[in-house]
C-alpha atoms as a PDB file:
ATOM      1  CA  MET A   1     122.745  92.909  97.857  1.00  0.00           C
ATOM      2  CA  GLU A   2     125.935  94.347  96.431  1.00  0.00           C
ATOM      3  CA  GLU A   3     126.301  98.127  96.617  1.00  0.00           C
ATOM      4  CA  SER A   4     126.250  98.455  92.802  1.00  0.00           C
ATOM      5  CA  ASN A   5     122.998  96.519  92.576  1.00  0.00           C
ATOM      6  CA  LEU A   6     121.507  98.546  95.394  1.00  0.00           C
ATOM      7  CA  LYS A   7     122.435 101.760  93.607  1.00  0.00           C
ATOM      8  CA  GLN A   8     120.945 100.522  90.350  1.00  0.00           C
ATOM      9  CA  SER A   9     117.660  99.837  92.128  1.00  0.00           C
ATOM     10  CA  TYR A  10     117.466 103.575  92.809  1.00  0.00           C
ATOM     11  CA  ASN A  11     118.214 104.461  89.189  1.00  0.00           C
ATOM     12  CA  GLN A  12     114.672 104.111  87.997  1.00  0.00           C
ATOM     13  CA  PHE A  13     112.139 106.552  86.633  1.00  0.00           C
ATOM     14  CA  ALA A  14     108.859 104.652  86.806  1.00  0.00           C
ATOM     15  CA  SER A  15     107.239 106.670  89.576  1.00  0.00           C
ATOM     16  CA  ASP A  16     107.926 109.210  92.283  1.00  0.00           C
ATOM     17  CA  ASN A  17     106.253 106.658  94.561  1.00  0.00           C
ATOM     18  CA  TYR A  18     109.443 104.591  94.309  1.00  0.00           C
ATOM     19  CA  ALA A  19     111.423 107.190  96.279  1.00  0.00           C
ATOM     20  CA  GLY A  20     111.978 106.829 100.003  1.00  0.00           C
ATOM     21  CA  ILE A  21     110.955 109.070 102.877  1.00  0.00           C
ATOM     22  CA  CYS A  22     112.674 112.438 102.861  1.00  0.00           C
ATOM     23  CA  PRO A  23     114.658 113.465 105.995  1.00  0.00           C
ATOM     24  CA  GLU A  24     112.166 116.109 107.102  1.00  0.00           C
ATOM     25  CA  ALA A  25     109.241 113.684 107.096  1.00  0.00           C
ATOM     26  CA  TRP A  26     111.318 110.965 108.748  1.00  0.00           C
ATOM     27  CA  GLN A  27     112.489 113.280 111.521  1.00  0.00           C
ATOM     28  CA  ALA A  28     108.942 114.462 112.196  1.00  0.00           C
ATOM     29  CA  MET A  29     107.736 110.872 112.572  1.00  0.00           C
ATOM     30  CA  GLN A  30     110.615 110.121 114.927  1.00  0.00           C
ATOM     31  CA  THR A  31     109.812 113.166 117.049  1.00  0.00           C
ATOM     32  CA  ALA A  32     106.128 112.220 117.203  1.00  0.00           C
ATOM     33  CA  ASN A  33     107.116 108.715 118.317  1.00  0.00           C
ATOM     34  CA  ALA A  34     108.166 109.874 121.793  1.00  0.00           C
ATOM     35  CA  GLY A  35     105.846 108.916 124.633  1.00  0.00           C
ATOM     36  CA  PHE A  36     102.122 108.254 124.705  1.00  0.00           C
ATOM     37  CA  VAL A  37      99.780 110.284 122.492  1.00  0.00           C
ATOM     38  CA  SER A  38      96.008 110.312 122.139  1.00  0.00           C
ATOM     39  CA  SER A  39      94.611 108.301 119.223  1.00  0.00           C
ATOM     40  CA  TYR A  40      92.372 108.841 116.190  1.00  0.00           C
ATOM     41  CA  GLY A  41      93.599 112.356 115.459  1.00  0.00           C
ATOM     42  CA  ASP A  42      92.894 113.830 118.869  1.00  0.00           C
ATOM     43  CA  ASP A  43      96.530 114.847 119.319  1.00  0.00           C
ATOM     44  CA  VAL A  44      98.762 117.895 119.151  1.00  0.00           C
ATOM     45  CA  TRP A  45     100.533 116.684 116.001  1.00  0.00           C
ATOM     46  CA  THR A  46      97.365 116.453 113.960  1.00  0.00           C
ATOM     47  CA  GLU A  47      96.124 119.786 115.267  1.00  0.00           C
ATOM     48  CA  ARG A  48      99.454 121.396 114.417  1.00  0.00           C
ATOM     49  CA  ALA A  49      99.520 119.882 110.910  1.00  0.00           C
ATOM     50  CA  CYS A  50      96.023 121.193 110.210  1.00  0.00           C
ATOM     51  CA  GLU A  51      97.044 124.650 111.362  1.00  0.00           C
ATOM     52  CA  GLN A  52     100.115 124.536 109.126  1.00  0.00           C
ATOM     53  CA  LEU A  53      97.924 123.778 106.126  1.00  0.00           C
ATOM     54  CA  ARG A  54      95.618 126.664 107.022  1.00  0.00           C
ATOM     55  CA  GLN A  55      98.627 128.958 107.024  1.00  0.00           C
ATOM     56  CA  VAL A  56      99.852 127.597 103.692  1.00  0.00           C
ATOM     57  CA  PHE A  57      96.459 128.182 102.065  1.00  0.00           C
ATOM     58  CA  GLU A  58      95.775 131.427 103.925  1.00  0.00           C
ATOM     59  CA  THR A  59      92.267 130.402 104.943  1.00  0.00           C
ATOM     60  CA  ASP A  60      90.370 128.578 107.670  1.00  0.00           C
ATOM     61  CA  CYS A  61      90.013 125.326 105.747  1.00  0.00           C
ATOM     62  CA  GLN A  62      88.891 121.999 107.171  1.00  0.00           C
ATOM     63  CA  VAL A  63      91.508 119.251 106.876  1.00  0.00           C
ATOM     64  CA  PHE A  64      91.342 115.455 107.025  1.00  0.00           C
ATOM     65  CA  PHE A  65      94.184 112.959 106.651  1.00  0.00           C
ATOM     66  CA  VAL A  66      93.763 109.641 104.861  1.00  0.00           C
ATOM     67  CA  PHE A  67      96.163 106.875 103.884  1.00  0.00           C
ATOM     68  CA  ASN A  68      96.332 107.301 100.111  1.00  0.00           C
ATOM     69  CA  GLY A  69      95.211 109.176  97.039  1.00  0.00           C
ATOM     70  CA  THR A  70      92.523 106.710  96.032  1.00  0.00           C
ATOM     71  CA  ALA A  71      90.753 107.284  99.337  1.00  0.00           C
ATOM     72  CA  ALA A  72      91.267 111.041  99.189  1.00  0.00           C
ATOM     73  CA  ASN A  73      89.805 111.444  95.708  1.00  0.00           C
ATOM     74  CA  SER A  74      87.022 108.899  96.103  1.00  0.00           C
ATOM     75  CA  LEU A  75      85.762 110.103  99.466  1.00  0.00           C
ATOM     76  CA  ALA A  76      86.023 113.758  98.462  1.00  0.00           C
ATOM     77  CA  LEU A  77      83.994 113.175  95.304  1.00  0.00           C
ATOM     78  CA  ALA A  78      81.478 111.047  97.197  1.00  0.00           C
ATOM     79  CA  SER A  79      80.992 113.868  99.706  1.00  0.00           C
ATOM     80  CA  LEU A  80      80.065 116.238  96.879  1.00  0.00           C
ATOM     81  CA  CYS A  81      77.682 113.910  95.052  1.00  0.00           C
ATOM     82  CA  ARG A  82      74.662 111.712  95.393  1.00  0.00           C
ATOM     83  CA  SER A  83      74.339 108.420  93.600  1.00  0.00           C
ATOM     84  CA  TYR A  84      72.375 109.924  90.694  1.00  0.00           C
ATOM     85  CA  HIS A  85      74.960 112.660  90.048  1.00  0.00           C
ATOM     86  CA  SER A  86      77.960 112.625  87.728  1.00  0.00           C
ATOM     87  CA  VAL A  87      81.559 113.826  87.883  1.00  0.00           C
ATOM     88  CA  ILE A  88      83.173 115.285  84.767  1.00  0.00           C
ATOM     89  CA  CYS A  89      86.909 114.688  84.386  1.00  0.00           C
ATOM     90  CA  HIS A  90      89.549 114.400  81.665  1.00  0.00           C
ATOM     91  CA  GLU A  91      89.724 111.065  79.870  1.00  0.00           C
ATOM     92  CA  LEU A  92      93.277 110.591  81.201  1.00  0.00           C
ATOM     93  CA  ALA A  93      92.443 111.657  84.765  1.00  0.00           C
ATOM     94  CA  HIS A  94      93.633 109.357  87.526  1.00  0.00           C
ATOM     95  CA  VAL A  95      90.107 109.118  88.947  1.00  0.00           C
ATOM     96  CA  GLU A  96      88.998 107.682  85.599  1.00  0.00           C
ATOM     97  CA  THR A  97      91.913 105.443  84.647  1.00  0.00           C
ATOM     98  CA  ASP A  98      93.593 104.306  87.869  1.00  0.00           C
ATOM     99  CA  GLU A  99      91.188 104.158  90.805  1.00  0.00           C
ATOM    100  CA  CYS A 100      89.615 100.764  90.085  1.00  0.00           C
ATOM    101  CA  GLY A 101      86.120 102.240  90.225  1.00  0.00           C
ATOM    102  CA  ALA A 102      86.612 103.571  93.766  1.00  0.00           C
ATOM    103  CA  PRO A 103      84.898 106.948  93.113  1.00  0.00           C
ATOM    104  CA  GLU A 104      81.814 105.123  91.865  1.00  0.00           C
ATOM    105  CA  PHE A 105      81.962 102.612  94.718  1.00  0.00           C
ATOM    106  CA  PHE A 106      82.207 105.123  97.566  1.00  0.00           C
ATOM    107  CA  SER A 107      79.526 107.360  96.058  1.00  0.00           C
ATOM    108  CA  ASN A 108      77.116 104.445  95.582  1.00  0.00           C
ATOM    109  CA  GLY A 109      77.085 104.782  91.819  1.00  0.00           C
ATOM    110  CA  THR A 110      77.968 108.349  90.829  1.00  0.00           C
ATOM    111  CA  LYS A 111      78.944 108.186  87.173  1.00  0.00           C
ATOM    112  CA  LEU A 112      82.219 109.525  85.810  1.00  0.00           C
ATOM    113  CA  LEU A 113      81.836 111.352  82.492  1.00  0.00           C
ATOM    114  CA  HIS A 114      85.168 111.885  80.786  1.00  0.00           C
ATOM    115  CA  VAL A 115      86.018 114.457  78.150  1.00  0.00           C
ATOM    116  CA  ASN A 116      89.143 115.112  76.133  1.00  0.00           C
ATOM    117  CA  GLY A 117      91.415 118.096  75.807  1.00  0.00           C
ATOM    118  CA  PRO A 118      94.982 118.780  74.680  1.00  0.00           C
ATOM    119  CA  GLY A 119      97.914 118.244  76.999  1.00  0.00           C
ATOM    120  CA  GLY A 120      95.930 116.331  79.583  1.00  0.00           C
ATOM    121  CA  LYS A 121      93.778 119.384  80.366  1.00  0.00           C
ATOM    122  CA  LEU A 122      90.031 119.706  80.145  1.00  0.00           C
ATOM    123  CA  ASP A 123      88.612 121.488  77.121  1.00  0.00           C
ATOM    124  CA  LEU A 124      86.040 123.685  78.870  1.00  0.00           C
ATOM    125  CA  ALA A 125      83.922 124.020  75.737  1.00  0.00           C
ATOM    126  CA  GLU A 126      83.676 120.240  75.634  1.00  0.00           C
ATOM    127  CA  VAL A 127      82.915 120.179  79.351  1.00  0.00           C
ATOM    128  CA  GLU A 128      80.025 122.588  78.860  1.00  0.00           C
ATOM    129  CA  ARG A 129      78.727 120.493  75.986  1.00  0.00           C
ATOM    130  CA  VAL A 130      78.640 117.442  78.260  1.00  0.00           C
ATOM    131  CA  ILE A 131      76.919 119.433  81.005  1.00  0.00           C
ATOM    132  CA  THR A 132      74.218 120.854  78.738  1.00  0.00           C
ATOM    133  CA  ARG A 133      73.622 118.100  76.190  1.00  0.00           C
ATOM    134  CA  ARG A 134      70.852 116.600  78.316  1.00  0.00           C
ATOM    135  CA  SER A 135      68.799 117.692  81.288  1.00  0.00           C
ATOM    136  CA  ASP A 136      66.224 114.917  81.476  1.00  0.00           C
ATOM    137  CA  ILE A 137      65.754 112.574  84.400  1.00  0.00           C
ATOM    138  CA  HIS A 138      67.306 109.666  82.500  1.00  0.00           C
ATOM    139  CA  TYR A 139      70.756 111.293  82.485  1.00  0.00           C
ATOM    140  CA  PRO A 140      73.032 111.493  85.575  1.00  0.00           C
ATOM    141  CA  CYS A 141      72.959 115.109  86.711  1.00  0.00           C
ATOM    142  CA  PRO A 142      76.460 116.735  86.445  1.00  0.00           C
ATOM    143  CA  LYS A 143      77.504 117.832  89.915  1.00  0.00           C
ATOM    144  CA  VAL A 144      81.315 118.000  90.116  1.00  0.00           C
ATOM    145  CA  LEU A 145      84.103 119.077  87.796  1.00  0.00           C
ATOM    146  CA  SER A 146      87.401 117.357  88.659  1.00  0.00           C
ATOM    147  CA  LEU A 147      90.821 118.764  87.701  1.00  0.00           C
ATOM    148  CA  THR A 148      94.179 117.000  88.036  1.00  0.00           C
ATOM    149  CA  GLN A 149      97.027 119.322  89.063  1.00  0.00           C
ATOM    150  CA  ALA A 150      99.623 118.587  87.776  1.00  0.00           C
ATOM    151  CA  THR A 151      97.964 116.518  85.038  1.00  0.00           C
ATOM    152  CA  GLU A 152      98.638 112.892  84.240  1.00  0.00           C
ATOM    153  CA  VAL A 153     100.925 113.959  81.394  1.00  0.00           C
ATOM    154  CA  GLY A 154     102.914 116.443  83.451  1.00  0.00           C
ATOM    155  CA  THR A 155     101.306 119.673  82.327  1.00  0.00           C
ATOM    156  CA  VAL A 156     100.030 122.331  84.713  1.00  0.00           C
ATOM    157  CA  TYR A 157      96.763 124.265  84.836  1.00  0.00           C
ATOM    158  CA  THR A 158      97.370 128.014  84.990  1.00  0.00           C
ATOM    159  CA  PRO A 159      95.465 130.255  87.440  1.00  0.00           C
ATOM    160  CA  ASP A 160      93.331 131.574  84.573  1.00  0.00           C
ATOM    161  CA  GLU A 161      92.467 128.052  83.441  1.00  0.00           C
ATOM    162  CA  ILE A 162      91.441 127.070  86.959  1.00  0.00           C
ATOM    163  CA  ARG A 163      89.366 130.217  87.364  1.00  0.00           C
ATOM    164  CA  GLY A 164      87.693 129.431  84.058  1.00  0.00           C
ATOM    165  CA  ALA A 165      86.842 125.943  85.288  1.00  0.00           C
ATOM    166  CA  GLY A 166      85.553 127.343  88.571  1.00  0.00           C
ATOM    167  CA  GLU A 167      83.358 129.897  86.834  1.00  0.00           C
ATOM    168  CA  LEU A 168      81.960 127.234  84.518  1.00  0.00           C
ATOM    169  CA  ALA A 169      81.188 124.969  87.457  1.00  0.00           C
ATOM    170  CA  ARG A 170      79.456 127.735  89.403  1.00  0.00           C
ATOM    171  CA  ARG A 171      77.410 128.761  86.377  1.00  0.00           C
ATOM    172  CA  HIS A 172      75.920 125.283  86.269  1.00  0.00           C
ATOM    173  CA  GLY A 173      75.544 124.794  90.005  1.00  0.00           C
ATOM    174  CA  MET A 174      78.507 122.418  90.236  1.00  0.00           C
ATOM    175  CA  ARG A 175      81.480 122.027  92.561  1.00  0.00           C
ATOM    176  CA  LEU A 176      85.171 121.999  91.627  1.00  0.00           C
ATOM    177  CA  GLN A 177      87.417 119.268  93.037  1.00  0.00           C
ATOM    178  CA  MET A 178      91.167 119.116  92.468  1.00  0.00           C
ATOM    179  CA  ASP A 179      93.250 115.944  92.474  1.00  0.00           C
ATOM    180  CA  GLY A 180      96.537 117.355  93.734  1.00  0.00           C
ATOM    181  CA  ALA A 181      98.704 114.254  94.026  1.00  0.00           C
ATOM    182  CA  ARG A 182     101.492 116.396  92.523  1.00  0.00           C
ATOM    183  CA  PHE A 183     100.114 119.759  93.594  1.00  0.00           C
ATOM    184  CA  ALA A 184     103.470 120.851  95.052  1.00  0.00           C
ATOM    185  CA  ASN A 185     105.111 120.367  91.656  1.00  0.00           C
ATOM    186  CA  ALA A 186     102.474 122.612  90.104  1.00  0.00           C
ATOM    187  CA  VAL A 187     102.946 125.316  92.752  1.00  0.00           C
ATOM    188  CA  VAL A 188     106.688 125.377  92.065  1.00  0.00           C
ATOM    189  CA  ALA A 189     106.222 125.323  88.298  1.00  0.00           C
ATOM    190  CA  LEU A 190     103.868 128.298  88.456  1.00  0.00           C
ATOM    191  CA  ASP A 191     105.829 130.082  91.220  1.00  0.00           C
ATOM    192  CA  ILE A 192     102.593 131.098  92.866  1.00  0.00           C
ATOM    193  CA  ALA A 193     100.908 131.043  96.266  1.00  0.00           C
ATOM    194  CA  PRO A 194      98.859 127.847  96.784  1.00  0.00           C
ATOM    195  CA  ALA A 195      95.751 129.906  97.517  1.00  0.00           C
ATOM    196  CA  GLU A 196      95.858 131.436  94.043  1.00  0.00           C
ATOM    197  CA  ILE A 197      95.335 128.088  92.317  1.00  0.00           C
ATOM    198  CA  THR A 198      92.841 126.657  94.806  1.00  0.00           C
ATOM    199  CA  TRP A 199      90.076 128.452  96.691  1.00  0.00           C
ATOM    200  CA  ARG A 200      90.732 131.890  95.223  1.00  0.00           C
ATOM    201  CA  ALA A 201      90.328 130.344  91.784  1.00  0.00           C
ATOM    202  CA  GLY A 202      87.128 128.504  92.706  1.00  0.00           C
ATOM    203  CA  VAL A 203      88.351 125.115  93.994  1.00  0.00           C
ATOM    204  CA  ASP A 204      86.057 123.697  96.682  1.00  0.00           C
ATOM    205  CA  VAL A 205      88.062 120.630  97.706  1.00  0.00           C
ATOM    206  CA  LEU A 206      91.729 119.765  97.196  1.00  0.00           C
ATOM    207  CA  CYS A 207      93.192 116.290  97.617  1.00  0.00           C
ATOM    208  CA  LEU A 208      96.766 117.211  98.501  1.00  0.00           C
ATOM    209  CA  GLY A 209      99.448 114.619  97.858  1.00  0.00           C
ATOM    210  CA  GLY A 210     102.175 113.747 100.340  1.00  0.00           C
ATOM    211  CA  ALA A 211     103.475 110.317  99.340  1.00  0.00           C
ATOM    212  CA  LYS A 212     104.796 111.396  95.925  1.00  0.00           C
ATOM    213  CA  ASN A 213     106.552 114.360  97.519  1.00  0.00           C
ATOM    214  CA  GLY A 214     108.645 112.548 100.126  1.00  0.00           C
ATOM    215  CA  MET A 215     106.295 111.132 102.741  1.00  0.00           C
ATOM    216  CA  ALA A 216     105.751 107.463 103.549  1.00  0.00           C
ATOM    217  CA  ILE A 217     101.967 107.560 103.357  1.00  0.00           C
ATOM    218  CA  GLY A 218      99.251 110.098 103.784  1.00  0.00           C
ATOM    219  CA  GLU A 219      97.222 112.573 101.750  1.00  0.00           C
ATOM    220  CA  ALA A 220      95.315 115.584 103.037  1.00  0.00           C
ATOM    221  CA  VAL A 221      91.733 116.302 101.989  1.00  0.00           C
ATOM    222  CA  VAL A 222      91.332 120.069 102.257  1.00  0.00           C
ATOM    223  CA  PHE A 223      87.828 121.547 102.232  1.00  0.00           C
ATOM    224  CA  PHE A 224      87.871 125.277 101.548  1.00  0.00           C
ATOM    225  CA  ASP A 225      84.128 125.429 102.193  1.00  0.00           C
ATOM    226  CA  ARG A 226      83.714 123.997 105.688  1.00  0.00           C
ATOM    227  CA  GLU A 227      80.037 123.260 105.124  1.00  0.00           C
ATOM    228  CA  LEU A 228      81.014 120.706 102.486  1.00  0.00           C
ATOM    229  CA  ALA A 229      83.060 118.854 105.109  1.00  0.00           C
ATOM    230  CA  ARG A 230      80.016 118.074 107.241  1.00  0.00           C
ATOM    231  CA  GLU A 231      80.213 114.429 108.406  1.00  0.00           C
ATOM    232  CA  PHE A 232      83.286 113.747 106.261  1.00  0.00           C
ATOM    233  CA  ASP A 233      84.883 112.254 109.366  1.00  0.00           C
ATOM    234  CA  TYR A 234      82.193 109.565 109.296  1.00  0.00           C
ATOM    235  CA  ARG A 235      83.043 108.783 105.669  1.00  0.00           C
ATOM    236  CA  CYS A 236      86.691 108.373 106.616  1.00  0.00           C
ATOM    237  CA  LYS A 237      85.832 106.045 109.493  1.00  0.00           C
ATOM    238  CA  GLN A 238      83.458 103.916 107.421  1.00  0.00           C
ATOM    239  CA  ALA A 239      86.027 103.603 104.632  1.00  0.00           C
ATOM    240  CA  GLY A 240      88.777 102.438 106.974  1.00  0.00           C
ATOM    241  CA  GLN A 241      90.681 105.708 106.652  1.00  0.00           C
ATOM    242  CA  LEU A 242      90.602 106.869 110.271  1.00  0.00           C
ATOM    243  CA  ALA A 243      94.071 105.955 111.519  1.00  0.00           C
ATOM    244  CA  SER A 244      94.277 104.998 115.182  1.00  0.00           C
ATOM    245  CA  LYS A 245      97.846 106.342 115.377  1.00  0.00           C
ATOM    246  CA  MET A 246      96.999 109.378 113.292  1.00  0.00           C
ATOM    247  CA  ARG A 247     100.087 111.276 114.430  1.00  0.00           C
ATOM    248  CA  PHE A 248     102.259 109.174 112.131  1.00  0.00           C
ATOM    249  CA  ILE A 249     100.250 110.400 109.135  1.00  0.00           C
ATOM    250  CA  SER A 250      99.877 114.006 110.268  1.00  0.00           C
ATOM    251  CA  ALA A 251     103.278 114.738 111.841  1.00  0.00           C
ATOM    252  CA  PRO A 252     105.233 114.359 108.585  1.00  0.00           C
ATOM    253  CA  TRP A 253     103.173 117.216 107.170  1.00  0.00           C
ATOM    254  CA  ILE A 254     104.622 119.436 109.882  1.00  0.00           C
ATOM    255  CA  GLY A 255     108.150 118.489 108.903  1.00  0.00           C
ATOM    256  CA  MET A 256     107.357 119.048 105.230  1.00  0.00           C
ATOM    257  CA  LEU A 257     105.541 122.364 105.605  1.00  0.00           C
ATOM    258  CA  GLU A 258     107.273 124.282 108.396  1.00  0.00           C
ATOM    259  CA  ASN A 259     110.559 124.861 106.590  1.00  0.00           C
ATOM    260  CA  GLY A 260     109.386 124.556 102.989  1.00  0.00           C
ATOM    261  CA  ALA A 261     110.599 121.007 102.333  1.00  0.00           C
ATOM    262  CA  TRP A 262     107.433 120.185 100.379  1.00  0.00           C
ATOM    263  CA  LEU A 263     108.288 122.898  97.830  1.00  0.00           C
ATOM    264  CA  ASN A 264     112.026 122.203  97.877  1.00  0.00           C
ATOM    265  CA  ASN A 265     111.369 118.538  97.115  1.00  0.00           C
ATOM    266  CA  ALA A 266     109.029 119.446  94.275  1.00  0.00           C
ATOM    267  CA  ARG A 267     111.473 122.014  92.874  1.00  0.00           C
ATOM    268  CA  HIS A 268     114.268 119.458  92.858  1.00  0.00           C
ATOM    269  CA  ALA A 269     112.096 116.879  91.081  1.00  0.00           C
ATOM    270  CA  ASN A 270     110.974 119.451  88.511  1.00  0.00           C
ATOM    271  CA  ASN A 271     114.563 120.536  87.877  1.00  0.00           C
ATOM    272  CA  CYS A 272     115.686 116.950  87.305  1.00  0.00           C
ATOM    273  CA  ALA A 273     112.876 116.488  84.794  1.00  0.00           C
ATOM    274  CA  ALA A 274     113.851 119.736  83.076  1.00  0.00           C
ATOM    275  CA  LEU A 275     117.426 118.504  82.734  1.00  0.00           C
ATOM    276  CA  LEU A 276     116.201 115.217  81.282  1.00  0.00           C
ATOM    277  CA  GLU A 277     113.976 117.023  78.800  1.00  0.00           C
ATOM    278  CA  ARG A 278     116.816 119.268  77.622  1.00  0.00           C
ATOM    279  CA  ARG A 279     119.158 116.347  77.041  1.00  0.00           C
ATOM    280  CA  LEU A 280     116.581 114.191  75.272  1.00  0.00           C
ATOM    281  CA  ALA A 281     115.340 117.034  73.074  1.00  0.00           C
ATOM    282  CA  ASP A 282     118.691 117.056  71.260  1.00  0.00           C
ATOM    283  CA  MET A 283     118.472 113.405  70.232  1.00  0.00           C
ATOM    284  CA  ASP A 284     117.255 112.135  66.882  1.00  0.00           C
ATOM    285  CA  ASP A 285     114.592 109.404  66.992  1.00  0.00           C
ATOM    286  CA  ILE A 286     113.434 110.718  70.387  1.00  0.00           C
ATOM    287  CA  ARG A 287     110.344 112.942  70.477  1.00  0.00           C
ATOM    288  CA  ILE A 288     109.118 114.881  73.503  1.00  0.00           C
ATOM    289  CA  MET A 289     105.347 114.309  73.598  1.00  0.00           C
ATOM    290  CA  TYR A 290     104.200 117.043  75.992  1.00  0.00           C
ATOM    291  CA  PRO A 291     105.768 120.230  77.286  1.00  0.00           C
ATOM    292  CA  ARG A 292     107.602 119.406  80.511  1.00  0.00           C
ATOM    293  CA  GLN A 293     106.056 121.560  83.220  1.00  0.00           C
ATOM    294  CA  ALA A 294     106.235 119.409  86.361  1.00  0.00           C
ATOM    295  CA  ASN A 295     108.377 116.376  87.219  1.00  0.00           C
ATOM    296  CA  SER A 296     107.671 113.986  84.352  1.00  0.00           C
ATOM    297  CA  VAL A 297     108.914 113.684  80.787  1.00  0.00           C
ATOM    298  CA  PHE A 298     106.924 111.789  78.148  1.00  0.00           C
ATOM    299  CA  VAL A 299     108.810 110.652  75.075  1.00  0.00           C
ATOM    300  CA  GLU A 300     108.285 108.533  72.011  1.00  0.00           C
ATOM    301  CA  MET A 301     111.158 106.125  71.327  1.00  0.00           C
ATOM    302  CA  PRO A 302     111.656 103.301  68.830  1.00  0.00           C
ATOM    303  CA  GLU A 303     110.470 100.035  70.327  1.00  0.00           C
ATOM    304  CA  PRO A 304     113.939  98.408  70.089  1.00  0.00           C
ATOM    305  CA  VAL A 305     115.287 101.231  72.257  1.00  0.00           C
ATOM    306  CA  VAL A 306     112.556 100.626  74.830  1.00  0.00           C
ATOM    307  CA  THR A 307     113.358  96.903  74.850  1.00  0.00           C
ATOM    308  CA  LEU A 308     117.095  97.477  75.359  1.00  0.00           C
ATOM    309  CA  LEU A 309     116.506  99.948  78.194  1.00  0.00           C
ATOM    310  CA  ARG A 310     114.258  97.546  80.061  1.00  0.00           C
ATOM    311  CA  ALA A 311     116.678  94.679  79.511  1.00  0.00           C
ATOM    312  CA  ALA A 312     119.374  96.847  81.094  1.00  0.00           C
ATOM    313  CA  GLY A 313     117.230  97.296  84.213  1.00  0.00           C
ATOM    314  CA  TRP A 314     115.671 100.704  83.678  1.00  0.00           C
ATOM    315  CA  HIS A 315     112.127 101.005  85.033  1.00  0.00           C
ATOM    316  CA  PHE A 316     109.525 103.283  83.425  1.00  0.00           C
ATOM    317  CA  TYR A 317     105.892 103.135  82.405  1.00  0.00           C
ATOM    318  CA  SER A 318     104.658 103.133  78.847  1.00  0.00           C
ATOM    319  CA  PHE A 319     100.899 102.871  79.359  1.00  0.00           C
ATOM    320  CA  ILE A 320     100.269 106.055  81.346  1.00  0.00           C
ATOM    321  CA  GLY A 321      98.964 109.025  79.411  1.00  0.00           C
ATOM    322  CA  SER A 322      98.482 108.532  75.684  1.00  0.00           C
ATOM    323  CA  GLY A 323     101.274 106.134  74.821  1.00  0.00           C
ATOM    324  CA  GLY A 324     105.008 106.721  74.803  1.00  0.00           C
ATOM    325  CA  ALA A 325     107.338 106.282  77.763  1.00  0.00           C
ATOM    326  CA  ARG A 326     107.011 108.245  80.990  1.00  0.00           C
ATOM    327  CA  PHE A 327     110.113 109.126  82.970  1.00  0.00           C
ATOM    328  CA  MET A 328     109.234 110.436  86.425  1.00  0.00           C
ATOM    329  CA  CYS A 329     111.647 112.294  88.704  1.00  0.00           C
ATOM    330  CA  SER A 330     111.355 112.546  92.480  1.00  0.00           C
ATOM    331  CA  TRP A 331     112.914 114.361  95.436  1.00  0.00           C
ATOM    332  CA  GLN A 332     115.465 111.537  95.571  1.00  0.00           C
ATOM    333  CA  THR A 333     116.464 111.610  91.894  1.00  0.00           C
ATOM    334  CA  THR A 334     119.970 112.953  91.348  1.00  0.00           C
ATOM    335  CA  GLU A 335     121.546 114.744  88.408  1.00  0.00           C
ATOM    336  CA  GLN A 336     123.816 111.720  88.036  1.00  0.00           C
ATOM    337  CA  ASP A 337     120.742 109.479  87.745  1.00  0.00           C
ATOM    338  CA  VAL A 338     119.394 111.667  84.959  1.00  0.00           C
ATOM    339  CA  LEU A 339     122.684 111.731  83.067  1.00  0.00           C
ATOM    340  CA  GLN A 340     123.038 107.955  83.385  1.00  0.00           C
ATOM    341  CA  LEU A 341     119.567 107.535  81.908  1.00  0.00           C
ATOM    342  CA  VAL A 342     120.380 109.916  79.053  1.00  0.00           C
ATOM    343  CA  GLU A 343     123.532 107.965  78.268  1.00  0.00           C
ATOM    344  CA  ALA A 344     121.615 104.680  78.399  1.00  0.00           C
ATOM    345  CA  ILE A 345     119.064 106.011  75.906  1.00  0.00           C
ATOM    346  CA  ARG A 346     121.853 107.332  73.692  1.00  0.00           C
ATOM    347  CA  SER A 347     123.653 103.995  73.732  1.00  0.00           C
ATOM    348  CA  ALA A 348     120.470 102.041  73.066  1.00  0.00           C
ATOM    349  CA  THR A 349     119.622 104.287  70.120  1.00  0.00           C
ATOM    350  CA  VAL A 350     123.041 103.810  68.581  1.00  0.00           C
ATOM    351  CA  ALA A 351     122.964 100.058  69.202  1.00  0.00           C
ATOM    352  CA  THR A 352     119.629  99.728  67.420  1.00  0.00           C
ATOM    353  CA  GLY A 353     120.731 101.661  64.373  1.00  0.00           C
ATOM    354  CA  GLY A 354     119.516 105.139  65.242  1.00  0.00           C
ATOM    355  CA  VAL A 355     121.625 108.226  64.663  1.00  0.00           C
ATOM    356  CA  ILE A 356     122.207 110.765  67.418  1.00  0.00           C
END
């Protein structure tokens, strides 16, 4: 492949999953590759990664590593529910729209009840209405409230909003689970200690994302209430999530956490998205759909502009969230990438008759 074509393949904004492995994660895997190491998580790397996460969250949490976010969310929710329970989530939540029924499958039938709310966030009044509208035996008993942080449309729950969700859950005897595939982006956006938007705000279980933040694979399921983690290791094994060479999933967390790379990566991605938002906000015929708070920008564009951009090789999703086009920045996105995209949108708008 010619160098220009190779470079263009990087100039895409479809997903932060498209980015490669960041140097810190790569180096940690290389270091862990030396010599023979015990298998199935009984190794110094996994123990060290767990301890790093306990330091980050300032509590003696129980940590498990799985391959991907689908497993993390589905197994975590299944551990909190029985088959006749229900999980309440936003209608745009990843567990509702993009997990192929995995939460229901791994919980043997737990039902997902979705509610709406502005900006991708749960409307707690609507949540309470769903919880209380029925209490008879014919209705799946609400057991878990699931938040996505940052949300599927790039907004961020504030500490007060999370505390409100936690208080609501406790009032009705429910648990609070957080899908944190882009949790690092939310921490940076809020400029707050991770503990303040998790267990101190009422979160029982966090599914902490690594792949979207610069790792190859691997998510951490963090139980802040150790009792809830009872026999979770069996769930992981049964679901095919117990890695034999666990050190290659856990060691990158050490490289990401020890020197703050996980937050630096998220900060860089957020800043690139902020730059993109500023440049696009000045254009006619381009409308920013949601306030940019994390590392994604959602915009409405004329369909001819969308068609021209895709024909020119730009990659982005238009079905995620509630319509529009999503441009996602990652640790590997550069300012030049963003400016090239802005110029491509500008040119496409002019070419299709728009005025900028």
